[in-house]
Amino acid sequence: MYRSALALILIAATMSSAEVPDDWKKIRGLLKDFDYEVEKMDDWVQATHDDYLNIFVKGYKDGILLQAYFTTSDMDVSERSIRKLNNKLSLNATASRFYIDSDGDLMCEAWFPGDMGRRSFRNFP
């Protein structure tokens, strides 16, 4: 249940005003509970997993921005199919947004207001 909730909120575009969240160590602990390898970069936290989406975490507008992307350049997928999927995901999105970046990758972002604790992280769609 928690892994599916995590997968729904995830999805990497660079935001010029984004930075490493102040509570990144707490976030690292939450992601490690899901068996992610977590590394602090210059202005974001990168979480990688062998079976799940890689996640990029940034502080943004007094909250946390979670980002992930699906690379489509190596796949034999039409642009039309990607756009249809993007539209379908966007129609059902509540706390996230989906878009296609300049490389043609399908992006997902979710913004979480305030500090992220274990309970709020678990309940976040």
PDB file of N, CA and C in Angstrom:
ATOM      1  N   MET A   1       0.822  -1.182   0.000  1.00  0.00           N
ATOM      2  CA  MET A   1       0.000   0.000   0.000  1.00  0.00           C
ATOM      3  C   MET A   1       0.872   1.255   0.000  1.00  0.00           C
ATOM      4  N   TYR A   2       1.896   1.282   0.883  1.00  0.00           N
ATOM      5  CA  TYR A   2       2.743   2.457   0.948  1.00  0.00           C
ATOM      6  C   TYR A   2       3.548   2.625  -0.324  1.00  0.00           C
ATOM      7  N   ARG A   3       4.001   1.524  -0.906  1.00  0.00           N
ATOM      8  CA  ARG A   3       4.789   1.626  -2.133  1.00  0.00           C
ATOM      9  C   ARG A   3       3.957   2.149  -3.274  1.00  0.00           C
ATOM     10  N   SER A   4       2.689   1.726  -3.370  1.00  0.00           N
ATOM     11  CA  SER A   4       1.851   2.240  -4.446  1.00  0.00           C
ATOM     12  C   SER A   4       1.559   3.721  -4.234  1.00  0.00           C
ATOM     13  N   ALA A   5       1.368   4.140  -2.989  1.00  0.00           N
ATOM     14  CA  ALA A   5       1.161   5.558  -2.710  1.00  0.00           C
ATOM     15  C   ALA A   5       2.404   6.356  -3.073  1.00  0.00           C
ATOM     16  N   LEU A   6       3.561   5.807  -2.744  1.00  0.00           N
ATOM     17  CA  LEU A   6       4.811   6.475  -3.079  1.00  0.00           C
ATOM     18  C   LEU A   6       4.960   6.599  -4.586  1.00  0.00           C
ATOM     19  N   ALA A   7       4.640   5.541  -5.308  1.00  0.00           N
ATOM     20  CA  ALA A   7       4.774   5.565  -6.761  1.00  0.00           C
ATOM     21  C   ALA A   7       3.855   6.612  -7.386  1.00  0.00           C
ATOM     22  N   LEU A   8       2.689   6.823  -6.798  1.00  0.00           N
ATOM     23  CA  LEU A   8       1.749   7.789  -7.354  1.00  0.00           C
ATOM     24  C   LEU A   8       2.224   9.234  -7.213  1.00  0.00           C
ATOM     25  N   ILE A   9       2.998   9.496  -6.182  1.00  0.00           N
ATOM     26  CA  ILE A   9       3.391  10.891  -5.961  1.00  0.00           C
ATOM     27  C   ILE A   9       4.702  11.272  -6.620  1.00  0.00           C
ATOM     28  N   LEU A  10       5.366  10.287  -7.185  1.00  0.00           N
ATOM     29  CA  LEU A  10       6.683  10.557  -7.696  1.00  0.00           C
ATOM     30  C   LEU A  10       6.732  10.924  -9.161  1.00  0.00           C
ATOM     31  N   ILE A  11       7.667  11.704  -9.451  1.00  0.00           N
ATOM     32  CA  ILE A  11       8.037  11.822 -10.842  1.00  0.00           C
ATOM     33  C   ILE A  11       8.916  13.054 -11.051  1.00  0.00           C
ATOM     34  N   ALA A  12      12.247  14.653 -13.733  1.00  0.00           N
ATOM     35  CA  ALA A  12      13.157  15.493 -13.036  1.00  0.00           C
ATOM     36  C   ALA A  12      13.400  16.652 -13.907  1.00  0.00           C
ATOM     37  N   ALA A  13      12.739  17.694 -13.609  1.00  0.00           N
ATOM     38  CA  ALA A  13      13.087  18.944 -14.269  1.00  0.00           C
ATOM     39  C   ALA A  13      13.797  19.813 -13.252  1.00  0.00           C
ATOM     40  N   THR A  14      14.710  20.639 -13.678  1.00  0.00           N
ATOM     41  CA  THR A  14      15.441  21.476 -12.744  1.00  0.00           C
ATOM     42  C   THR A  14      14.680  22.775 -12.524  1.00  0.00           C
ATOM     43  N   MET A  15      14.450  23.110 -11.275  1.00  0.00           N
ATOM     44  CA  MET A  15      13.767  24.339 -10.909  1.00  0.00           C
ATOM     45  C   MET A  15      14.834  25.301 -10.382  1.00  0.00           C
ATOM     46  N   SER A  16      14.898  26.485 -10.941  1.00  0.00           N
ATOM     47  CA  SER A  16      15.962  27.402 -10.558  1.00  0.00           C
ATOM     48  C   SER A  16      15.878  27.839  -9.095  1.00  0.00           C
ATOM     49  N   SER A  17      14.676  27.867  -8.525  1.00  0.00           N
ATOM     50  CA  SER A  17      14.549  28.309  -7.138  1.00  0.00           C
ATOM     51  C   SER A  17      14.535  27.146  -6.156  1.00  0.00           C
ATOM     52  N   ALA A  18      14.727  25.931  -6.630  1.00  0.00           N
ATOM     53  CA  ALA A  18      14.708  24.764  -5.760  1.00  0.00           C
ATOM     54  C   ALA A  18      16.046  24.595  -5.062  1.00  0.00           C
ATOM     55  N   GLU A  19      15.997  23.964  -3.894  1.00  0.00           N
ATOM     56  CA  GLU A  19      17.211  23.726  -3.129  1.00  0.00           C
ATOM     57  C   GLU A  19      17.018  22.474  -2.279  1.00  0.00           C
ATOM     58  N   VAL A  20      18.090  22.012  -1.677  1.00  0.00           N
ATOM     59  CA  VAL A  20      17.996  20.851  -0.804  1.00  0.00           C
ATOM     60  C   VAL A  20      17.121  21.230   0.389  1.00  0.00           C
ATOM     61  N   PRO A  21      16.104  20.419   0.701  1.00  0.00           N
ATOM     62  CA  PRO A  21      15.246  20.735   1.855  1.00  0.00           C
ATOM     63  C   PRO A  21      16.048  20.726   3.152  1.00  0.00           C
ATOM     64  N   ASP A  22      15.666  21.594   4.099  1.00  0.00           N
ATOM     65  CA  ASP A  22      16.341  21.648   5.387  1.00  0.00           C
ATOM     66  C   ASP A  22      16.276  20.312   6.125  1.00  0.00           C
ATOM     67  N   ASP A  23      15.161  19.613   5.981  1.00  0.00           N
ATOM     68  CA  ASP A  23      14.981  18.337   6.684  1.00  0.00           C
ATOM     69  C   ASP A  23      15.292  17.134   5.786  1.00  0.00           C
ATOM     70  N   TRP A  24      16.296  17.280   4.922  1.00  0.00           N
ATOM     71  CA  TRP A  24      16.600  16.225   3.954  1.00  0.00           C
ATOM     72  C   TRP A  24      17.004  14.928   4.629  1.00  0.00           C
ATOM     73  N   LYS A  25      17.586  14.983   5.830  1.00  0.00           N
ATOM     74  CA  LYS A  25      17.977  13.751   6.516  1.00  0.00           C
ATOM     75  C   LYS A  25      16.750  12.955   6.953  1.00  0.00           C
ATOM     76  N   LYS A  26      15.696  13.650   7.350  1.00  0.00           N
ATOM     77  CA  LYS A  26      14.442  12.972   7.697  1.00  0.00           C
ATOM     78  C   LYS A  26      13.835  12.330   6.449  1.00  0.00           C
ATOM     79  N   ILE A  27      13.877  13.058   5.349  1.00  0.00           N
ATOM     80  CA  ILE A  27      13.358  12.536   4.076  1.00  0.00           C
ATOM     81  C   ILE A  27      14.180  11.327   3.636  1.00  0.00           C
ATOM     82  N   ARG A  28      15.496  11.399   3.818  1.00  0.00           N
ATOM     83  CA  ARG A  28      16.366  10.271   3.493  1.00  0.00           C
ATOM     84  C   ARG A  28      15.921   9.036   4.280  1.00  0.00           C
ATOM     85  N   GLY A  29      15.636   9.206   5.553  1.00  0.00           N
ATOM     86  CA  GLY A  29      15.177   8.093   6.374  1.00  0.00           C
ATOM     87  C   GLY A  29      13.867   7.508   5.881  1.00  0.00           C
ATOM     88  N   LEU A  30      12.935   8.376   5.485  1.00  0.00           N
ATOM     89  CA  LEU A  30      11.654   7.900   4.968  1.00  0.00           C
ATOM     90  C   LEU A  30      11.846   7.089   3.690  1.00  0.00           C
ATOM     91  N   LEU A  31      12.695   7.574   2.799  1.00  0.00           N
ATOM     92  CA  LEU A  31      12.934   6.869   1.539  1.00  0.00           C
ATOM     93  C   LEU A  31      13.709   5.574   1.754  1.00  0.00           C
ATOM     94  N   LYS A  32      14.606   5.566   2.716  1.00  0.00           N
ATOM     95  CA  LYS A  32      15.342   4.334   3.011  1.00  0.00           C
ATOM     96  C   LYS A  32      14.405   3.251   3.546  1.00  0.00           C
ATOM     97  N   ASP A  33      13.308   3.653   4.190  1.00  0.00           N
ATOM     98  CA  ASP A  33      12.300   2.685   4.636  1.00  0.00           C
ATOM     99  C   ASP A  33      11.700   1.924   3.456  1.00  0.00           C
ATOM    100  N   PHE A  34      11.763   2.526   2.271  1.00  0.00           N
ATOM    101  CA  PHE A  34      11.276   1.895   1.041  1.00  0.00           C
ATOM    102  C   PHE A  34      12.426   1.309   0.223  1.00  0.00           C
ATOM    103  N   ASP A  35      13.578   1.122   0.855  1.00  0.00           N
ATOM    104  CA  ASP A  35      14.769   0.519   0.249  1.00  0.00           C
ATOM    105  C   ASP A  35      15.390   1.361  -0.864  1.00  0.00           C
ATOM    106  N   TYR A  36      15.247   2.668  -0.783  1.00  0.00           N
ATOM    107  CA  TYR A  36      15.909   3.563  -1.729  1.00  0.00           C
ATOM    108  C   TYR A  36      17.325   3.845  -1.256  1.00  0.00           C
ATOM    109  N   GLU A  37      18.243   4.007  -2.204  1.00  0.00           N
ATOM    110  CA  GLU A  37      19.571   4.539  -1.933  1.00  0.00           C
ATOM    111  C   GLU A  37      19.455   6.048  -2.097  1.00  0.00           C
ATOM    112  N   VAL A  38      19.883   6.799  -1.100  1.00  0.00           N
ATOM    113  CA  VAL A  38      19.668   8.247  -1.105  1.00  0.00           C
ATOM    114  C   VAL A  38      21.003   8.969  -1.042  1.00  0.00           C
ATOM    115  N   GLU A  39      21.142   9.973  -1.916  1.00  0.00           N
ATOM    116  CA  GLU A  39      22.375  10.754  -1.981  1.00  0.00           C
ATOM    117  C   GLU A  39      22.038  12.238  -2.089  1.00  0.00           C
ATOM    118  N   LYS A  40      22.711  13.051  -1.298  1.00  0.00           N
ATOM    119  CA  LYS A  40      22.526  14.500  -1.363  1.00  0.00           C
ATOM    120  C   LYS A  40      23.408  15.042  -2.475  1.00  0.00           C
ATOM    121  N   MET A  41      22.808  15.783  -3.392  1.00  0.00           N
ATOM    122  CA  MET A  41      23.528  16.430  -4.478  1.00  0.00           C
ATOM    123  C   MET A  41      23.647  17.923  -4.145  1.00  0.00           C
ATOM    124  N   ASP A  42      24.055  18.738  -5.102  1.00  0.00           N
ATOM    125  CA  ASP A  42      24.230  20.167  -4.850  1.00  0.00           C
ATOM    126  C   ASP A  42      22.937  20.861  -4.420  1.00  0.00           C
ATOM    127  N   ASP A  43      21.866  20.696  -5.210  1.00  0.00           N
ATOM    128  CA  ASP A  43      20.626  21.393  -4.880  1.00  0.00           C
ATOM    129  C   ASP A  43      19.406  20.476  -4.880  1.00  0.00           C
ATOM    130  N   TRP A  44      19.622  19.184  -4.719  1.00  0.00           N
ATOM    131  CA  TRP A  44      18.518  18.242  -4.603  1.00  0.00           C
ATOM    132  C   TRP A  44      18.999  16.980  -3.917  1.00  0.00           C
ATOM    133  N   VAL A  45      18.044  16.138  -3.564  1.00  0.00           N
ATOM    134  CA  VAL A  45      18.333  14.819  -3.009  1.00  0.00           C
ATOM    135  C   VAL A  45      17.891  13.809  -4.050  1.00  0.00           C
ATOM    136  N   GLN A  46      18.762  12.877  -4.368  1.00  0.00           N
ATOM    137  CA  GLN A  46      18.463  11.863  -5.382  1.00  0.00           C
ATOM    138  C   GLN A  46      18.255  10.524  -4.690  1.00  0.00           C
ATOM    139  N   ALA A  47      17.127   9.883  -4.974  1.00  0.00           N
ATOM    140  CA  ALA A  47      16.816   8.571  -4.401  1.00  0.00           C
ATOM    141  C   ALA A  47      16.654   7.574  -5.550  1.00  0.00           C
ATOM    142  N   THR A  48      17.441   6.509  -5.514  1.00  0.00           N
ATOM    143  CA  THR A  48      17.395   5.516  -6.590  1.00  0.00           C
ATOM    144  C   THR A  48      16.965   4.164  -6.039  1.00  0.00           C
ATOM    145  N   HIS A  49      16.328   3.400  -6.904  1.00  0.00           N
ATOM    146  CA  HIS A  49      15.826   2.076  -6.531  1.00  0.00           C
ATOM    147  C   HIS A  49      15.884   1.189  -7.767  1.00  0.00           C
ATOM    148  N   ASP A  50      16.204  -0.088  -7.563  1.00  0.00           N
ATOM    149  CA  ASP A  50      16.294  -1.021  -8.688  1.00  0.00           C
ATOM    150  C   ASP A  50      14.938  -1.338  -9.298  1.00  0.00           C
ATOM    151  N   ASP A  51      13.868  -1.311  -8.502  1.00  0.00           N
ATOM    152  CA  ASP A  51      12.554  -1.733  -8.973  1.00  0.00           C
ATOM    153  C   ASP A  51      11.537  -0.609  -9.118  1.00  0.00           C
ATOM    154  N   TYR A  52      11.811   0.539  -8.541  1.00  0.00           N
ATOM    155  CA  TYR A  52      10.851   1.635  -8.559  1.00  0.00           C
ATOM    156  C   TYR A  52      11.468   2.862  -9.211  1.00  0.00           C
ATOM    157  N   LEU A  53      10.629   3.865  -9.444  1.00  0.00           N
ATOM    158  CA  LEU A  53      11.095   5.101 -10.058  1.00  0.00           C
ATOM    159  C   LEU A  53      12.164   5.771  -9.216  1.00  0.00           C
ATOM    160  N   ASN A  54      13.139   6.348  -9.876  1.00  0.00           N
ATOM    161  CA  ASN A  54      14.101   7.202  -9.187  1.00  0.00           C
ATOM    162  C   ASN A  54      13.405   8.507  -8.850  1.00  0.00           C
ATOM    163  N   ILE A  55      13.715   9.043  -7.687  1.00  0.00           N
ATOM    164  CA  ILE A  55      13.030  10.233  -7.190  1.00  0.00           C
ATOM    165  C   ILE A  55      14.053  11.337  -6.949  1.00  0.00           C
ATOM    166  N   PHE A  56      13.649  12.542  -7.276  1.00  0.00           N
ATOM    167  CA  PHE A  56      14.443  13.722  -7.004  1.00  0.00           C
ATOM    168  C   PHE A  56      13.638  14.590  -6.049  1.00  0.00           C
ATOM    169  N   VAL A  57      14.237  15.002  -4.950  1.00  0.00           N
ATOM    170  CA  VAL A  57      13.542  15.758  -3.913  1.00  0.00           C
ATOM    171  C   VAL A  57      14.223  17.113  -3.776  1.00  0.00           C
ATOM    172  N   LYS A  58      13.410  18.161  -3.794  1.00  0.00           N
ATOM    173  CA  LYS A  58      13.924  19.518  -3.681  1.00  0.00           C
ATOM    174  C   LYS A  58      13.029  20.319  -2.744  1.00  0.00           C
ATOM    175  N   GLY A  59      13.633  21.269  -2.045  1.00  0.00           N
ATOM    176  CA  GLY A  59      12.826  22.224  -1.308  1.00  0.00           C
ATOM    177  C   GLY A  59      12.265  23.229  -2.299  1.00  0.00           C
ATOM    178  N   TYR A  60      10.987  23.564  -2.159  1.00  0.00           N
ATOM    179  CA  TYR A  60      10.378  24.489  -3.119  1.00  0.00           C
ATOM    180  C   TYR A  60       9.172  25.167  -2.473  1.00  0.00           C
ATOM    181  N   LYS A  61       9.181  26.478  -2.425  1.00  0.00           N
ATOM    182  CA  LYS A  61       8.066  27.282  -1.920  1.00  0.00           C
ATOM    183  C   LYS A  61       7.552  26.787  -0.569  1.00  0.00           C
ATOM    184  N   ASP A  62       8.418  26.728   0.412  1.00  0.00           N
ATOM    185  CA  ASP A  62       8.075  26.302   1.776  1.00  0.00           C
ATOM    186  C   ASP A  62       7.471  24.906   1.837  1.00  0.00           C
ATOM    187  N   GLY A  63       7.921  24.047   0.938  1.00  0.00           N
ATOM    188  CA  GLY A  63       7.459  22.664   0.925  1.00  0.00           C
ATOM    189  C   GLY A  63       8.493  21.781   0.265  1.00  0.00           C
ATOM    190  N   ILE A  64       8.061  20.611  -0.149  1.00  0.00           N
ATOM    191  CA  ILE A  64       8.929  19.625  -0.773  1.00  0.00           C
ATOM    192  C   ILE A  64       8.399  19.314  -2.165  1.00  0.00           C
ATOM    193  N   LEU A  65       9.273  19.352  -3.166  1.00  0.00           N
ATOM    194  CA  LEU A  65       8.910  18.991  -4.528  1.00  0.00           C
ATOM    195  C   LEU A  65       9.509  17.625  -4.834  1.00  0.00           C
ATOM    196  N   LEU A  66       8.650  16.661  -5.133  1.00  0.00           N
ATOM    197  CA  LEU A  66       9.076  15.314  -5.516  1.00  0.00           C
ATOM    198  C   LEU A  66       8.943  15.205  -7.030  1.00  0.00           C
ATOM    199  N   GLN A  67       9.983  14.705  -7.680  1.00  0.00           N
ATOM    200  CA  GLN A  67       9.978  14.619  -9.131  1.00  0.00           C
ATOM    201  C   GLN A  67      10.470  13.252  -9.576  1.00  0.00           C
ATOM    202  N   ALA A  68       9.966  12.802 -10.704  1.00  0.00           N
ATOM    203  CA  ALA A  68      10.451  11.571 -11.333  1.00  0.00           C
ATOM    204  C   ALA A  68      10.136  11.677 -12.819  1.00  0.00           C
ATOM    205  N   TYR A  69      10.757  10.835 -13.601  1.00  0.00           N
ATOM    206  CA  TYR A  69      10.464  10.873 -15.031  1.00  0.00           C
ATOM    207  C   TYR A  69      10.595   9.486 -15.633  1.00  0.00           C
ATOM    208  N   PHE A  70       9.872   9.322 -16.723  1.00  0.00           N
ATOM    209  CA  PHE A  70       9.921   8.102 -17.513  1.00  0.00           C
ATOM    210  C   PHE A  70      10.639   8.438 -18.809  1.00  0.00           C
ATOM    211  N   THR A  71      11.820   7.886 -19.017  1.00  0.00           N
ATOM    212  CA  THR A  71      12.562   8.138 -20.245  1.00  0.00           C
ATOM    213  C   THR A  71      11.912   7.368 -21.378  1.00  0.00           C
ATOM    214  N   THR A  72      11.606   8.066 -22.444  1.00  0.00           N
ATOM    215  CA  THR A  72      10.937   7.420 -23.572  1.00  0.00           C
ATOM    216  C   THR A  72      11.811   7.386 -24.820  1.00  0.00           C
ATOM    217  N   SER A  73      12.956   8.040 -24.798  1.00  0.00           N
ATOM    218  CA  SER A  73      13.789   8.125 -26.001  1.00  0.00           C
ATOM    219  C   SER A  73      14.349   6.772 -26.435  1.00  0.00           C
ATOM    220  N   ASP A  74      14.523   5.850 -25.495  1.00  0.00           N
ATOM    221  CA  ASP A  74      15.052   4.527 -25.837  1.00  0.00           C
ATOM    222  C   ASP A  74      13.961   3.535 -26.214  1.00  0.00           C
ATOM    223  N   MET A  75      12.719   3.965 -26.158  1.00  0.00           N
ATOM    224  CA  MET A  75      11.601   3.065 -26.420  1.00  0.00           C
ATOM    225  C   MET A  75      10.985   3.365 -27.785  1.00  0.00           C
ATOM    226  N   ASP A  76      10.365   2.372 -28.360  1.00  0.00           N
ATOM    227  CA  ASP A  76       9.670   2.549 -29.628  1.00  0.00           C
ATOM    228  C   ASP A  76       8.221   2.947 -29.336  1.00  0.00           C
ATOM    229  N   VAL A  77       8.062   4.192 -28.881  1.00  0.00           N
ATOM    230  CA  VAL A  77       6.756   4.702 -28.501  1.00  0.00           C
ATOM    231  C   VAL A  77       6.512   5.986 -29.279  1.00  0.00           C
ATOM    232  N   SER A  78       5.330   6.109 -29.829  1.00  0.00           N
ATOM    233  CA  SER A  78       5.034   7.308 -30.610  1.00  0.00           C
ATOM    234  C   SER A  78       4.777   8.494 -29.688  1.00  0.00           C
ATOM    235  N   GLU A  79       5.035   9.669 -30.221  1.00  0.00           N
ATOM    236  CA  GLU A  79       4.769  10.887 -29.462  1.00  0.00           C
ATOM    237  C   GLU A  79       3.281  10.979 -29.120  1.00  0.00           C
ATOM    238  N   ARG A  80       2.458  10.533 -30.033  1.00  0.00           N
ATOM    239  CA  ARG A  80       1.007  10.552 -29.797  1.00  0.00           C
ATOM    240  C   ARG A  80       0.634   9.671 -28.602  1.00  0.00           C
ATOM    241  N   SER A  81       1.248   8.500 -28.489  1.00  0.00           N
ATOM    242  CA  SER A  81       0.968   7.601 -27.365  1.00  0.00           C
ATOM    243  C   SER A  81       1.390   8.233 -26.040  1.00  0.00           C
ATOM    244  N   ILE A  82       2.533   8.898 -26.049  1.00  0.00           N
ATOM    245  CA  ILE A  82       3.008   9.551 -24.828  1.00  0.00           C
ATOM    246  C   ILE A  82       2.056  10.686 -24.436  1.00  0.00           C
ATOM    247  N   ARG A  83       1.607  11.442 -25.422  1.00  0.00           N
ATOM    248  CA  ARG A  83       0.671  12.533 -25.137  1.00  0.00           C
ATOM    249  C   ARG A  83      -0.662  12.006 -24.607  1.00  0.00           C
ATOM    250  N   LYS A  84      -1.133  10.900 -25.155  1.00  0.00           N
ATOM    251  CA  LYS A  84      -2.381  10.309 -24.666  1.00  0.00           C
ATOM    252  C   LYS A  84      -2.228   9.848 -23.221  1.00  0.00           C
ATOM    253  N   LEU A  85      -1.104   9.218 -22.906  1.00  0.00           N
ATOM    254  CA  LEU A  85      -0.851   8.781 -21.537  1.00  0.00           C
ATOM    255  C   LEU A  85      -0.745   9.986 -20.605  1.00  0.00           C
ATOM    256  N   ASN A  86      -0.030  11.015 -21.037  1.00  0.00           N
ATOM    257  CA  ASN A  86       0.098  12.228 -20.242  1.00  0.00           C
ATOM    258  C   ASN A  86      -1.280  12.823 -19.939  1.00  0.00           C
ATOM    259  N   ASN A  87      -2.133  12.894 -20.926  1.00  0.00           N
ATOM    260  CA  ASN A  87      -3.475  13.444 -20.730  1.00  0.00           C
ATOM    261  C   ASN A  87      -4.294  12.587 -19.761  1.00  0.00           C
ATOM    262  N   LYS A  88      -4.192  11.278 -19.898  1.00  0.00           N
ATOM    263  CA  LYS A  88      -4.945  10.386 -19.018  1.00  0.00           C
ATOM    264  C   LYS A  88      -4.472  10.515 -17.569  1.00  0.00           C
ATOM    265  N   LEU A  89      -3.152  10.556 -17.358  1.00  0.00           N
ATOM    266  CA  LEU A  89      -2.620  10.725 -16.009  1.00  0.00           C
ATOM    267  C   LEU A  89      -3.026  12.077 -15.427  1.00  0.00           C
ATOM    268  N   SER A  90      -2.995  13.116 -16.245  1.00  0.00           N
ATOM    269  CA  SER A  90      -3.349  14.455 -15.778  1.00  0.00           C
ATOM    270  C   SER A  90      -4.811  14.555 -15.379  1.00  0.00           C
ATOM    271  N   LEU A  91      -5.680  13.849 -16.090  1.00  0.00           N
ATOM    272  CA  LEU A  91      -7.106  13.875 -15.763  1.00  0.00           C
ATOM    273  C   LEU A  91      -7.386  13.321 -14.376  1.00  0.00           C
ATOM    274  N   ASN A  92      -6.619  12.335 -13.955  1.00  0.00           N
ATOM    275  CA  ASN A  92      -6.848  11.689 -12.667  1.00  0.00           C
ATOM    276  C   ASN A  92      -5.948  12.215 -11.558  1.00  0.00           C
ATOM    277  N   ALA A  93      -5.105  13.187 -11.849  1.00  0.00           N
ATOM    278  CA  ALA A  93      -4.154  13.703 -10.866  1.00  0.00           C
ATOM    279  C   ALA A  93      -4.856  14.605  -9.856  1.00  0.00           C
ATOM    280  N   THR A  94      -4.460  14.471  -8.612  1.00  0.00           N
ATOM    281  CA  THR A  94      -5.000  15.318  -7.558  1.00  0.00           C
ATOM    282  C   THR A  94      -3.930  16.259  -7.024  1.00  0.00           C
ATOM    283  N   ALA A  95      -2.814  15.693  -6.604  1.00  0.00           N
ATOM    284  CA  ALA A  95      -1.751  16.492  -5.988  1.00  0.00           C
ATOM    285  C   ALA A  95      -0.470  16.426  -6.806  1.00  0.00           C
ATOM    286  N   SER A  96      -0.593  16.144  -8.076  1.00  0.00           N
ATOM    287  CA  SER A  96       0.592  16.036  -8.925  1.00  0.00           C
ATOM    288  C   SER A  96       0.280  16.622 -10.295  1.00  0.00           C
ATOM    289  N   ARG A  97       1.339  16.818 -11.061  1.00  0.00           N
ATOM    290  CA  ARG A  97       1.156  17.261 -12.445  1.00  0.00           C
ATOM    291  C   ARG A  97       2.050  16.416 -13.332  1.00  0.00           C
ATOM    292  N   PHE A  98       1.603  16.194 -14.528  1.00  0.00           N
ATOM    293  CA  PHE A  98       2.327  15.405 -15.513  1.00  0.00           C
ATOM    294  C   PHE A  98       2.537  16.276 -16.743  1.00  0.00           C
ATOM    295  N   TYR A  99       3.706  16.146 -17.350  1.00  0.00           N
ATOM    296  CA  TYR A  99       3.983  16.889 -18.575  1.00  0.00           C
ATOM    297  C   TYR A  99       5.110  16.201 -19.331  1.00  0.00           C
ATOM    298  N   ILE A 100       5.332  16.624 -20.549  1.00  0.00           N
ATOM    299  CA  ILE A 100       6.392  16.080 -21.390  1.00  0.00           C
ATOM    300  C   ILE A 100       7.478  17.146 -21.489  1.00  0.00           C
ATOM    301  N   ASP A 101       8.711  16.771 -21.110  1.00  0.00           N
ATOM    302  CA  ASP A 101       9.798  17.755 -21.117  1.00  0.00           C
ATOM    303  C   ASP A 101      10.379  17.916 -22.514  1.00  0.00           C
ATOM    304  N   SER A 102      11.388  18.763 -22.633  1.00  0.00           N
ATOM    305  CA  SER A 102      11.967  19.070 -23.944  1.00  0.00           C
ATOM    306  C   SER A 102      12.678  17.874 -24.575  1.00  0.00           C
ATOM    307  N   ASP A 103      13.034  16.855 -23.776  1.00  0.00           N
ATOM    308  CA  ASP A 103      13.645  15.635 -24.316  1.00  0.00           C
ATOM    309  C   ASP A 103      12.604  14.597 -24.706  1.00  0.00           C
ATOM    310  N   GLY A 104      11.326  14.900 -24.486  1.00  0.00           N
ATOM    311  CA  GLY A 104      10.257  13.963 -24.802  1.00  0.00           C
ATOM    312  C   GLY A 104       9.968  12.970 -23.689  1.00  0.00           C
ATOM    313  N   ASP A 105      10.556  13.183 -22.513  1.00  0.00           N
ATOM    314  CA  ASP A 105      10.319  12.292 -21.380  1.00  0.00           C
ATOM    315  C   ASP A 105       9.032  12.693 -20.663  1.00  0.00           C
ATOM    316  N   LEU A 106       8.332  11.701 -20.147  1.00  0.00           N
ATOM    317  CA  LEU A 106       7.122  11.948 -19.377  1.00  0.00           C
ATOM    318  C   LEU A 106       7.530  12.275 -17.943  1.00  0.00           C
ATOM    319  N   MET A 107       7.156  13.448 -17.487  1.00  0.00           N
ATOM    320  CA  MET A 107       7.541  13.943 -16.167  1.00  0.00           C
ATOM    321  C   MET A 107       6.362  13.898 -15.214  1.00  0.00           C
ATOM    322  N   CYS A 108       6.665  13.717 -13.938  1.00  0.00           N
ATOM    323  CA  CYS A 108       5.663  13.835 -12.892  1.00  0.00           C
ATOM    324  C   CYS A 108       6.273  14.624 -11.748  1.00  0.00           C
ATOM    325  N   GLU A 109       5.496  15.538 -11.200  1.00  0.00           N
ATOM    326  CA  GLU A 109       5.912  16.306 -10.043  1.00  0.00           C
ATOM    327  C   GLU A 109       4.765  16.331  -9.043  1.00  0.00           C
ATOM    328  N   ALA A 110       5.124  16.282  -7.779  1.00  0.00           N
ATOM    329  CA  ALA A 110       4.142  16.441  -6.711  1.00  0.00           C
ATOM    330  C   ALA A 110       4.747  17.381  -5.682  1.00  0.00           C
ATOM    331  N   TRP A 111       3.980  18.358  -5.259  1.00  0.00           N
ATOM    332  CA  TRP A 111       4.453  19.306  -4.266  1.00  0.00           C
ATOM    333  C   TRP A 111       3.746  19.029  -2.951  1.00  0.00           C
ATOM    334  N   PHE A 112       4.529  18.918  -1.903  1.00  0.00           N
ATOM    335  CA  PHE A 112       4.015  18.664  -0.569  1.00  0.00           C
ATOM    336  C   PHE A 112       4.259  19.914   0.270  1.00  0.00           C
ATOM    337  N   PRO A 113       3.203  20.530   0.812  1.00  0.00           N
ATOM    338  CA  PRO A 113       3.401  21.751   1.599  1.00  0.00           C
ATOM    339  C   PRO A 113       3.980  21.454   2.978  1.00  0.00           C
ATOM    340  N   GLY A 114       4.881  22.296   3.433  1.00  0.00           N
ATOM    341  CA  GLY A 114       5.420  22.165   4.784  1.00  0.00           C
ATOM    342  C   GLY A 114       6.429  21.048   4.937  1.00  0.00           C
ATOM    343  N   ASP A 115       6.644  20.657   6.190  1.00  0.00           N
ATOM    344  CA  ASP A 115       7.589  19.591   6.506  1.00  0.00           C
ATOM    345  C   ASP A 115       6.954  18.231   6.287  1.00  0.00           C
ATOM    346  N   MET A 116       7.779  17.285   5.888  1.00  0.00           N
ATOM    347  CA  MET A 116       7.288  15.944   5.617  1.00  0.00           C
ATOM    348  C   MET A 116       7.698  15.020   6.759  1.00  0.00           C
ATOM    349  N   GLY A 117       6.727  14.528   7.487  1.00  0.00           N
ATOM    350  CA  GLY A 117       6.960  13.542   8.538  1.00  0.00           C
ATOM    351  C   GLY A 117       6.479  12.175   8.087  1.00  0.00           C
ATOM    352  N   ARG A 118       6.736  11.166   8.899  1.00  0.00           N
ATOM    353  CA  ARG A 118       6.381   9.788   8.539  1.00  0.00           C
ATOM    354  C   ARG A 118       4.883   9.643   8.247  1.00  0.00           C
ATOM    355  N   ARG A 119       4.048  10.175   9.119  1.00  0.00           N
ATOM    356  CA  ARG A 119       2.608  10.016   8.933  1.00  0.00           C
ATOM    357  C   ARG A 119       2.114  10.775   7.700  1.00  0.00           C
ATOM    358  N   SER A 120       2.542  12.023   7.550  1.00  0.00           N
ATOM    359  CA  SER A 120       2.086  12.805   6.404  1.00  0.00           C
ATOM    360  C   SER A 120       2.628  12.245   5.101  1.00  0.00           C
ATOM    361  N   PHE A 121       3.861  11.708   5.124  1.00  0.00           N
ATOM    362  CA  PHE A 121       4.435  11.081   3.941  1.00  0.00           C
ATOM    363  C   PHE A 121       3.616   9.861   3.535  1.00  0.00           C
ATOM    364  N   ARG A 122       3.234   9.068   4.513  1.00  0.00           N
ATOM    365  CA  ARG A 122       2.454   7.854   4.255  1.00  0.00           C
ATOM    366  C   ARG A 122       1.078   8.205   3.696  1.00  0.00           C
ATOM    367  N   ASN A 123       0.480   9.291   4.153  1.00  0.00           N
ATOM    368  CA  ASN A 123      -0.869   9.664   3.733  1.00  0.00           C
ATOM    369  C   ASN A 123      -0.917  10.491   2.456  1.00  0.00           C
ATOM    370  N   PHE A 124       0.229  10.976   2.028  1.00  0.00           N
ATOM    371  CA  PHE A 124       0.274  11.814   0.825  1.00  0.00           C
ATOM    372  C   PHE A 124      -0.078  10.972  -0.390  1.00  0.00           C
ATOM    373  N   PRO A 125      -1.044  11.429  -1.221  1.00  0.00           N
ATOM    374  CA  PRO A 125      -1.457  10.601  -2.371  1.00  0.00           C
ATOM    375  C   PRO A 125      -0.317  10.394  -3.296  1.00  0.00           C
TER     376      PRO A 125
END
